[in-house]
Amino acid sequence: MSYETLEIAREAGVATIWMNRPDVHNAFNAQLIADLTTACIELDADDAVRAVVLAGRGKSFSAGADLNWMKAAGEASEAENFADAMKLAGMLRTLAEMKKPTIARVHGAALGGGMGLASACDICIAGDKAVFATSEVKFGIIPSAISPYVIRAIGERQAYRYFQTAERINATRAATLGLAHEAVATEELDAKVSEVVEALLQGGPKSQAAAKDLIRAVANRPVSDAVVEDTARRIASLRVTPEAKEGLAAFLDKRPAVWIAQG
């Protein structure tokens, strides 16, 4: 498919979604939200895609909401605002729950919804000039739709600070907070993303999807009998799959697993 606000590049099992509104720093509007939702669904269903990288054309990753879109929202009814907010929340959830591994390649500004996108991806690699913020309170609103993913990334305690102060967070601080997995020199950003992608391509695609689902099932839950039984059932069910049998056989035969050879 072709998209009005996106470019999608595919190479060797990796799909890169380039947000392509550089004149407004890849700010969100209704079209970008719709395009990202559809692209995530399309790529998640494509067996040829092993990993997805989210990136931005121009000077920024994403500067959050388009000001014209925000102005229109301020003049709309509460019901219309709810409908728009549900589309944004739905897009973020679609990205966050993709079966494929996802990496945010962040350079420049990642503000508001842009910080939400970075948090919704499984992995975030930031260039050293990247800057993050939950800037919504400066506009009299809150980082509501992005909150599940940002809080997951930086924790509740840090969210109390940054949701209220809207302070800018540089790349080094983002890495300290856990928002970015790594902060690297901007000229090394693509090399680091490629390095992480290469590591991802070594894993079995079905086991990676199961690993993501496992985290969602176990995180922030006490170690109860139900959790212990659930984790045991998950590994038992995977051990008998063709992918697991192939992975073990490849290790014993000292050869690449079929999913690596295909890549």
C-alpha atoms as a PDB file:
ATOM      1  CA  MET A   1       0.000   0.000   0.000  1.00  0.00           C
ATOM      2  CA  SER A   2       0.973   3.619  -0.430  1.00  0.00           C
ATOM      3  CA  TYR A   3       0.447   6.156   2.331  1.00  0.00           C
ATOM      4  CA  GLU A   4      -0.026   9.896   2.268  1.00  0.00           C
ATOM      5  CA  THR A   5       2.137  10.550   5.345  1.00  0.00           C
ATOM      6  CA  LEU A   6       4.506   7.570   5.377  1.00  0.00           C
ATOM      7  CA  GLU A   7       7.238   5.935   3.345  1.00  0.00           C
ATOM      8  CA  ILE A   8       7.872   2.238   3.923  1.00  0.00           C
ATOM      9  CA  ALA A   9      11.235   0.748   2.960  1.00  0.00           C
ATOM     10  CA  ARG A  10      11.803  -3.022   3.010  1.00  0.00           C
ATOM     11  CA  GLU A  11      15.176  -4.708   3.020  1.00  0.00           C
ATOM     12  CA  ALA A  12      16.251  -8.209   4.084  1.00  0.00           C
ATOM     13  CA  GLY A  13      13.266  -8.874   6.318  1.00  0.00           C
ATOM     14  CA  VAL A  14      13.256  -5.405   7.908  1.00  0.00           C
ATOM     15  CA  ALA A  15      10.544  -2.823   7.242  1.00  0.00           C
ATOM     16  CA  THR A  16      11.290   0.797   8.098  1.00  0.00           C
ATOM     17  CA  ILE A  17       8.291   3.068   8.536  1.00  0.00           C
ATOM     18  CA  TRP A  18       9.406   6.607   7.776  1.00  0.00           C
ATOM     19  CA  MET A  19       7.015   9.259   9.039  1.00  0.00           C
ATOM     20  CA  ASN A  20       7.133  11.748   6.204  1.00  0.00           C
ATOM     21  CA  ARG A  21       5.809  15.146   7.290  1.00  0.00           C
ATOM     22  CA  PRO A  22       9.195  16.848   7.727  1.00  0.00           C
ATOM     23  CA  ASP A  23       7.806  20.363   7.283  1.00  0.00           C
ATOM     24  CA  VAL A  24       5.891  19.961  10.576  1.00  0.00           C
ATOM     25  CA  HIS A  25       8.474  17.718  12.281  1.00  0.00           C
ATOM     26  CA  ASN A  26       6.264  14.640  11.676  1.00  0.00           C
ATOM     27  CA  ALA A  27       3.554  15.983  13.937  1.00  0.00           C
ATOM     28  CA  PHE A  28       0.378  13.940  14.286  1.00  0.00           C
ATOM     29  CA  ASN A  29      -2.792  14.678  12.428  1.00  0.00           C
ATOM     30  CA  ALA A  30      -5.748  12.425  11.633  1.00  0.00           C
ATOM     31  CA  GLN A  31      -4.113  11.158   8.435  1.00  0.00           C
ATOM     32  CA  LEU A  32      -0.813  10.207  10.081  1.00  0.00           C
ATOM     33  CA  ILE A  33      -2.668   8.390  12.856  1.00  0.00           C
ATOM     34  CA  ALA A  34      -4.744   6.463  10.316  1.00  0.00           C
ATOM     35  CA  ASP A  35      -1.717   5.679   8.144  1.00  0.00           C
ATOM     36  CA  LEU A  36       0.378   4.413  11.070  1.00  0.00           C
ATOM     37  CA  THR A  37      -2.474   2.206  12.264  1.00  0.00           C
ATOM     38  CA  THR A  38      -2.925   0.623   8.842  1.00  0.00           C
ATOM     39  CA  ALA A  39       0.804   0.228   8.226  1.00  0.00           C
ATOM     40  CA  CYS A  40       1.337  -1.561  11.545  1.00  0.00           C
ATOM     41  CA  ILE A  41      -1.506  -3.978  10.774  1.00  0.00           C
ATOM     42  CA  GLU A  42      -0.195  -4.584   7.251  1.00  0.00           C
ATOM     43  CA  LEU A  43       3.396  -5.230   8.322  1.00  0.00           C
ATOM     44  CA  ASP A  44       2.403  -7.417  11.257  1.00  0.00           C
ATOM     45  CA  ALA A  45       0.507  -9.689   8.853  1.00  0.00           C
ATOM     46  CA  ASP A  46       3.422  -9.938   6.407  1.00  0.00           C
ATOM     47  CA  ASP A  47       5.479 -13.091   7.043  1.00  0.00           C
ATOM     48  CA  ALA A  48       8.359 -11.623   5.034  1.00  0.00           C
ATOM     49  CA  VAL A  49       8.804  -8.896   7.660  1.00  0.00           C
ATOM     50  CA  ARG A  50      10.846  -9.946  10.682  1.00  0.00           C
ATOM     51  CA  ALA A  51      11.332  -6.569  12.389  1.00  0.00           C
ATOM     52  CA  VAL A  52       9.913  -3.049  12.094  1.00  0.00           C
ATOM     53  CA  VAL A  53      11.839   0.195  12.567  1.00  0.00           C
ATOM     54  CA  LEU A  54       9.909   3.435  13.153  1.00  0.00           C
ATOM     55  CA  ALA A  55      11.733   6.599  12.090  1.00  0.00           C
ATOM     56  CA  GLY A  56      11.124  10.181  11.003  1.00  0.00           C
ATOM     57  CA  ARG A  57      12.186  12.137   7.931  1.00  0.00           C
ATOM     58  CA  GLY A  58      13.686  15.585   8.377  1.00  0.00           C
ATOM     59  CA  LYS A  59      14.971  17.147  11.569  1.00  0.00           C
ATOM     60  CA  SER A  60      12.756  15.308  14.066  1.00  0.00           C
ATOM     61  CA  PHE A  61      11.361  11.921  14.980  1.00  0.00           C
ATOM     62  CA  SER A  62       7.960  13.409  15.861  1.00  0.00           C
ATOM     63  CA  ALA A  63       7.074  16.666  17.570  1.00  0.00           C
ATOM     64  CA  GLY A  64       3.723  15.385  18.847  1.00  0.00           C
ATOM     65  CA  ALA A  65       0.353  16.752  17.793  1.00  0.00           C
ATOM     66  CA  ASP A  66      -0.017  19.049  14.799  1.00  0.00           C
ATOM     67  CA  LEU A  67      -0.966  22.503  16.100  1.00  0.00           C
ATOM     68  CA  ASN A  68      -3.705  22.948  13.513  1.00  0.00           C
ATOM     69  CA  TRP A  69      -5.149  19.567  14.502  1.00  0.00           C
ATOM     70  CA  MET A  70      -4.999  20.570  18.181  1.00  0.00           C
ATOM     71  CA  LYS A  71      -6.703  23.877  17.424  1.00  0.00           C
ATOM     72  CA  ALA A  72      -9.516  22.089  15.595  1.00  0.00           C
ATOM     73  CA  ALA A  73      -9.867  19.686  18.524  1.00  0.00           C
ATOM     74  CA  GLY A  74     -10.249  22.624  20.888  1.00  0.00           C
ATOM     75  CA  GLU A  75     -13.186  23.860  18.867  1.00  0.00           C
ATOM     76  CA  ALA A  76     -14.832  20.435  18.546  1.00  0.00           C
ATOM     77  CA  SER A  77     -17.356  18.831  20.882  1.00  0.00           C
ATOM     78  CA  GLU A  78     -16.378  16.449  23.671  1.00  0.00           C
ATOM     79  CA  ALA A  79     -17.845  13.554  21.677  1.00  0.00           C
ATOM     80  CA  GLU A  80     -15.727  14.474  18.647  1.00  0.00           C
ATOM     81  CA  ASN A  81     -12.651  14.775  20.849  1.00  0.00           C
ATOM     82  CA  PHE A  82     -13.348  11.354  22.335  1.00  0.00           C
ATOM     83  CA  ALA A  83     -13.568   9.824  18.856  1.00  0.00           C
ATOM     84  CA  ASP A  84     -10.236  11.420  17.856  1.00  0.00           C
ATOM     85  CA  ALA A  85      -8.573  10.354  21.113  1.00  0.00           C
ATOM     86  CA  MET A  86      -9.744   6.771  20.591  1.00  0.00           C
ATOM     87  CA  LYS A  87      -8.123   6.712  17.151  1.00  0.00           C
ATOM     88  CA  LEU A  88      -4.822   7.923  18.625  1.00  0.00           C
ATOM     89  CA  ALA A  89      -5.035   5.445  21.494  1.00  0.00           C
ATOM     90  CA  GLY A  90      -5.885   2.677  19.038  1.00  0.00           C
ATOM     91  CA  MET A  91      -2.878   3.480  16.872  1.00  0.00           C
ATOM     92  CA  LEU A  92      -0.508   3.389  19.842  1.00  0.00           C
ATOM     93  CA  ARG A  93      -1.959   0.086  21.018  1.00  0.00           C
ATOM     94  CA  THR A  94      -1.666  -1.400  17.535  1.00  0.00           C
ATOM     95  CA  LEU A  95       2.013  -0.429  17.460  1.00  0.00           C
ATOM     96  CA  ALA A  96       2.668  -1.625  21.011  1.00  0.00           C
ATOM     97  CA  GLU A  97       0.995  -5.006  20.445  1.00  0.00           C
ATOM     98  CA  MET A  98       2.591  -5.919  17.138  1.00  0.00           C
ATOM     99  CA  LYS A  99       3.859  -9.496  17.079  1.00  0.00           C
ATOM    100  CA  LYS A 100       7.022  -8.380  15.292  1.00  0.00           C
ATOM    101  CA  PRO A 101       9.887  -6.713  17.194  1.00  0.00           C
ATOM    102  CA  THR A 102       9.738  -2.921  16.871  1.00  0.00           C
ATOM    103  CA  ILE A 103      12.517  -0.344  17.197  1.00  0.00           C
ATOM    104  CA  ALA A 104      12.142   3.420  17.497  1.00  0.00           C
ATOM    105  CA  ARG A 105      15.000   5.217  15.726  1.00  0.00           C
ATOM    106  CA  VAL A 106      14.853   8.590  17.468  1.00  0.00           C
ATOM    107  CA  HIS A 107      16.650  11.721  16.353  1.00  0.00           C
ATOM    108  CA  GLY A 108      15.730  15.319  17.102  1.00  0.00           C
ATOM    109  CA  ALA A 109      12.432  15.993  18.837  1.00  0.00           C
ATOM    110  CA  ALA A 110      10.246  13.240  20.276  1.00  0.00           C
ATOM    111  CA  LEU A 111       7.679  15.315  22.096  1.00  0.00           C
ATOM    112  CA  GLY A 112       4.228  14.445  23.426  1.00  0.00           C
ATOM    113  CA  GLY A 113       2.851  11.825  21.085  1.00  0.00           C
ATOM    114  CA  GLY A 114       6.338  11.397  19.647  1.00  0.00           C
ATOM    115  CA  MET A 115       7.563  10.299  23.066  1.00  0.00           C
ATOM    116  CA  GLY A 116       4.534   8.011  23.152  1.00  0.00           C
ATOM    117  CA  LEU A 117       5.598   6.372  19.882  1.00  0.00           C
ATOM    118  CA  ALA A 118       9.128   5.839  21.190  1.00  0.00           C
ATOM    119  CA  SER A 119       7.721   4.281  24.371  1.00  0.00           C
ATOM    120  CA  ALA A 120       5.243   2.060  22.520  1.00  0.00           C
ATOM    121  CA  CYS A 121       8.037   0.438  20.496  1.00  0.00           C
ATOM    122  CA  ASP A 122       9.809  -2.539  22.078  1.00  0.00           C
ATOM    123  CA  ILE A 123      13.224  -0.943  21.750  1.00  0.00           C
ATOM    124  CA  CYS A 124      14.298   2.693  21.540  1.00  0.00           C
ATOM    125  CA  ILE A 125      17.659   3.821  20.180  1.00  0.00           C
ATOM    126  CA  ALA A 126      18.266   7.569  20.478  1.00  0.00           C
ATOM    127  CA  GLY A 127      20.770   9.830  18.823  1.00  0.00           C
ATOM    128  CA  ASP A 128      22.642  12.072  21.218  1.00  0.00           C
ATOM    129  CA  LYS A 129      20.797  15.162  19.981  1.00  0.00           C
ATOM    130  CA  ALA A 130      17.377  13.597  20.627  1.00  0.00           C
ATOM    131  CA  VAL A 131      15.080  15.330  23.096  1.00  0.00           C
ATOM    132  CA  PHE A 132      11.958  13.904  24.714  1.00  0.00           C
ATOM    133  CA  ALA A 133       9.129  15.465  26.715  1.00  0.00           C
ATOM    134  CA  THR A 134       5.591  14.897  27.870  1.00  0.00           C
ATOM    135  CA  SER A 135       4.772  18.501  27.069  1.00  0.00           C
ATOM    136  CA  GLU A 136       0.965  18.298  27.203  1.00  0.00           C
ATOM    137  CA  VAL A 137       0.410  20.267  30.437  1.00  0.00           C
ATOM    138  CA  LYS A 138       1.887  23.311  28.727  1.00  0.00           C
ATOM    139  CA  PHE A 139      -1.199  23.238  26.496  1.00  0.00           C
ATOM    140  CA  GLY A 140      -3.620  22.634  29.346  1.00  0.00           C
ATOM    141  CA  ILE A 141      -4.065  18.932  28.592  1.00  0.00           C
ATOM    142  CA  ILE A 142      -2.508  15.649  29.760  1.00  0.00           C
ATOM    143  CA  PRO A 143      -0.426  12.873  28.139  1.00  0.00           C
ATOM    144  CA  SER A 144      -3.392  10.556  28.368  1.00  0.00           C
ATOM    145  CA  ALA A 145      -3.296   8.237  25.345  1.00  0.00           C
ATOM    146  CA  ILE A 146       0.477   7.800  25.604  1.00  0.00           C
ATOM    147  CA  SER A 147       0.494   7.264  29.379  1.00  0.00           C
ATOM    148  CA  PRO A 148       0.363   3.423  29.467  1.00  0.00           C
ATOM    149  CA  TYR A 149       3.498   3.222  27.331  1.00  0.00           C
ATOM    150  CA  VAL A 150       5.460   6.099  28.853  1.00  0.00           C
ATOM    151  CA  ILE A 151       4.772   4.870  32.400  1.00  0.00           C
ATOM    152  CA  ARG A 152       5.806   1.377  31.308  1.00  0.00           C
ATOM    153  CA  ALA A 153       9.064   2.866  30.030  1.00  0.00           C
ATOM    154  CA  ILE A 154      10.053   5.278  32.813  1.00  0.00           C
ATOM    155  CA  GLY A 155       8.032   4.061  35.798  1.00  0.00           C
ATOM    156  CA  GLU A 156       5.359   5.648  37.923  1.00  0.00           C
ATOM    157  CA  ARG A 157       7.713   7.679  40.112  1.00  0.00           C
ATOM    158  CA  GLN A 158       9.416   9.438  37.196  1.00  0.00           C
ATOM    159  CA  ALA A 159       6.058  10.001  35.498  1.00  0.00           C
ATOM    160  CA  TYR A 160       4.894  12.071  38.476  1.00  0.00           C
ATOM    161  CA  ARG A 161       7.729  14.469  37.712  1.00  0.00           C
ATOM    162  CA  TYR A 162       7.729  14.661  33.951  1.00  0.00           C
ATOM    163  CA  PHE A 163       3.965  14.536  33.357  1.00  0.00           C
ATOM    164  CA  GLN A 164       3.672  17.669  35.517  1.00  0.00           C
ATOM    165  CA  THR A 165       6.845  19.611  34.720  1.00  0.00           C
ATOM    166  CA  ALA A 166       6.962  18.908  30.958  1.00  0.00           C
ATOM    167  CA  GLU A 167      10.752  19.216  31.253  1.00  0.00           C
ATOM    168  CA  ARG A 168      12.869  18.334  28.237  1.00  0.00           C
ATOM    169  CA  ILE A 169      14.722  15.033  28.607  1.00  0.00           C
ATOM    170  CA  ASN A 170      17.992  14.685  26.710  1.00  0.00           C
ATOM    171  CA  ALA A 171      19.189  11.418  25.240  1.00  0.00           C
ATOM    172  CA  THR A 172      21.553  10.583  28.094  1.00  0.00           C
ATOM    173  CA  ARG A 173      18.831  11.171  30.673  1.00  0.00           C
ATOM    174  CA  ALA A 174      16.380   9.165  28.554  1.00  0.00           C
ATOM    175  CA  ALA A 175      18.751   6.203  28.680  1.00  0.00           C
ATOM    176  CA  THR A 176      19.135   6.582  32.455  1.00  0.00           C
ATOM    177  CA  LEU A 177      15.343   6.601  32.855  1.00  0.00           C
ATOM    178  CA  GLY A 178      14.935   3.487  30.714  1.00  0.00           C
ATOM    179  CA  LEU A 179      13.056   5.364  28.006  1.00  0.00           C
ATOM    180  CA  ALA A 180      15.894   4.811  25.520  1.00  0.00           C
ATOM    181  CA  HIS A 181      17.775   1.529  25.604  1.00  0.00           C
ATOM    182  CA  GLU A 182      20.850   3.289  24.257  1.00  0.00           C
ATOM    183  CA  ALA A 183      21.953   6.819  23.408  1.00  0.00           C
ATOM    184  CA  VAL A 184      24.587   7.022  20.691  1.00  0.00           C
ATOM    185  CA  ALA A 185      26.223   9.718  18.583  1.00  0.00           C
ATOM    186  CA  THR A 186      23.823  10.766  15.843  1.00  0.00           C
ATOM    187  CA  GLU A 187      26.217   9.623  13.135  1.00  0.00           C
ATOM    188  CA  GLU A 188      26.231   6.149  14.752  1.00  0.00           C
ATOM    189  CA  LEU A 189      22.442   5.895  15.046  1.00  0.00           C
ATOM    190  CA  ASP A 190      21.840   3.823  11.927  1.00  0.00           C
ATOM    191  CA  ALA A 191      24.730   1.479  12.718  1.00  0.00           C
ATOM    192  CA  LYS A 192      23.379   0.851  16.221  1.00  0.00           C
ATOM    193  CA  VAL A 193      19.856   0.232  14.901  1.00  0.00           C
ATOM    194  CA  SER A 194      21.309  -2.222  12.358  1.00  0.00           C
ATOM    195  CA  GLU A 195      23.242  -3.961  15.136  1.00  0.00           C
ATOM    196  CA  VAL A 196      20.081  -4.442  17.195  1.00  0.00           C
ATOM    197  CA  VAL A 197      18.128  -5.580  14.134  1.00  0.00           C
ATOM    198  CA  GLU A 198      20.808  -8.164  13.364  1.00  0.00           C
ATOM    199  CA  ALA A 199      20.476  -9.541  16.897  1.00  0.00           C
ATOM    200  CA  LEU A 200      16.692  -9.708  16.501  1.00  0.00           C
ATOM    201  CA  LEU A 201      16.978 -11.633  13.241  1.00  0.00           C
ATOM    202  CA  GLN A 202      18.775 -14.440  15.064  1.00  0.00           C
ATOM    203  CA  GLY A 203      15.672 -15.266  17.099  1.00  0.00           C
ATOM    204  CA  GLY A 204      12.709 -17.364  16.070  1.00  0.00           C
ATOM    205  CA  PRO A 205       9.790 -15.170  14.954  1.00  0.00           C
ATOM    206  CA  LYS A 206       7.121 -17.158  16.794  1.00  0.00           C
ATOM    207  CA  SER A 207       9.181 -17.292  19.969  1.00  0.00           C
ATOM    208  CA  GLN A 208       9.752 -13.529  19.823  1.00  0.00           C
ATOM    209  CA  ALA A 209       6.013 -12.936  19.519  1.00  0.00           C
ATOM    210  CA  ALA A 210       5.480 -15.300  22.455  1.00  0.00           C
ATOM    211  CA  ALA A 211       8.169 -13.488  24.457  1.00  0.00           C
ATOM    212  CA  LYS A 212       6.330 -10.175  24.003  1.00  0.00           C
ATOM    213  CA  ASP A 213       3.076 -11.777  25.100  1.00  0.00           C
ATOM    214  CA  LEU A 214       4.858 -13.312  28.111  1.00  0.00           C
ATOM    215  CA  ILE A 215       6.049  -9.911  29.303  1.00  0.00           C
ATOM    216  CA  ARG A 216       2.532  -8.509  29.126  1.00  0.00           C
ATOM    217  CA  ALA A 217       1.208 -11.496  31.080  1.00  0.00           C
ATOM    218  CA  VAL A 218       3.832 -11.453  33.843  1.00  0.00           C
ATOM    219  CA  ALA A 219       4.866  -7.807  34.353  1.00  0.00           C
ATOM    220  CA  ASN A 220       3.670  -6.138  37.556  1.00  0.00           C
ATOM    221  CA  ARG A 221       1.960  -9.275  38.832  1.00  0.00           C
ATOM    222  CA  PRO A 222       2.866 -11.113  42.054  1.00  0.00           C
ATOM    223  CA  VAL A 223       4.405 -14.571  41.676  1.00  0.00           C
ATOM    224  CA  SER A 224       1.206 -16.475  42.412  1.00  0.00           C
ATOM    225  CA  ASP A 225       0.352 -20.100  41.711  1.00  0.00           C
ATOM    226  CA  ALA A 226      -1.582 -18.932  38.662  1.00  0.00           C
ATOM    227  CA  VAL A 227       1.425 -17.038  37.276  1.00  0.00           C
ATOM    228  CA  VAL A 228       3.765 -19.978  37.879  1.00  0.00           C
ATOM    229  CA  GLU A 229       1.368 -22.366  36.137  1.00  0.00           C
ATOM    230  CA  ASP A 230       0.875 -19.953  33.245  1.00  0.00           C
ATOM    231  CA  THR A 231       4.628 -19.613  32.640  1.00  0.00           C
ATOM    232  CA  ALA A 232       5.048 -23.404  32.756  1.00  0.00           C
ATOM    233  CA  ARG A 233       2.256 -23.896  30.229  1.00  0.00           C
ATOM    234  CA  ARG A 234       3.724 -21.306  27.905  1.00  0.00           C
ATOM    235  CA  ILE A 235       7.141 -22.963  27.704  1.00  0.00           C
ATOM    236  CA  ALA A 236       5.617 -26.438  27.468  1.00  0.00           C
ATOM    237  CA  SER A 237       3.449 -25.443  24.526  1.00  0.00           C
ATOM    238  CA  LEU A 238       6.383 -23.813  22.714  1.00  0.00           C
ATOM    239  CA  ARG A 239       8.788 -26.720  23.186  1.00  0.00           C
ATOM    240  CA  VAL A 240       6.692 -28.946  20.917  1.00  0.00           C
ATOM    241  CA  THR A 241       6.414 -26.432  18.062  1.00  0.00           C
ATOM    242  CA  PRO A 242       8.283 -26.849  14.763  1.00  0.00           C
ATOM    243  CA  GLU A 243      10.179 -23.617  15.443  1.00  0.00           C
ATOM    244  CA  ALA A 244      11.530 -24.879  18.768  1.00  0.00           C
ATOM    245  CA  LYS A 245      12.479 -28.242  17.274  1.00  0.00           C
ATOM    246  CA  GLU A 246      14.273 -26.468  14.424  1.00  0.00           C
ATOM    247  CA  GLY A 247      16.085 -24.161  16.835  1.00  0.00           C
ATOM    248  CA  LEU A 248      17.415 -27.054  18.906  1.00  0.00           C
ATOM    249  CA  ALA A 249      18.347 -29.096  15.833  1.00  0.00           C
ATOM    250  CA  ALA A 250      20.212 -26.129  14.328  1.00  0.00           C
ATOM    251  CA  PHE A 251      22.152 -25.637  17.556  1.00  0.00           C
ATOM    252  CA  LEU A 252      23.116 -29.320  17.759  1.00  0.00           C
ATOM    253  CA  ASP A 253      24.012 -29.427  14.064  1.00  0.00           C
ATOM    254  CA  LYS A 254      26.038 -26.212  14.404  1.00  0.00           C
ATOM    255  CA  ARG A 255      24.182 -24.542  11.532  1.00  0.00           C
ATOM    256  CA  PRO A 256      22.006 -21.451  11.212  1.00  0.00           C
ATOM    257  CA  ALA A 257      18.343 -21.998  11.996  1.00  0.00           C
ATOM    258  CA  VAL A 258      16.043 -21.882   8.985  1.00  0.00           C
ATOM    259  CA  TRP A 259      14.726 -18.403   9.862  1.00  0.00           C
ATOM    260  CA  ILE A 260      18.301 -17.045   9.768  1.00  0.00           C
ATOM    261  CA  ALA A 261      19.101 -18.770   6.496  1.00  0.00           C
ATOM    262  CA  GLN A 262      15.925 -17.373   4.955  1.00  0.00           C
ATOM    263  CA  GLY A 263      16.803 -13.863   6.086  1.00  0.00           C
END
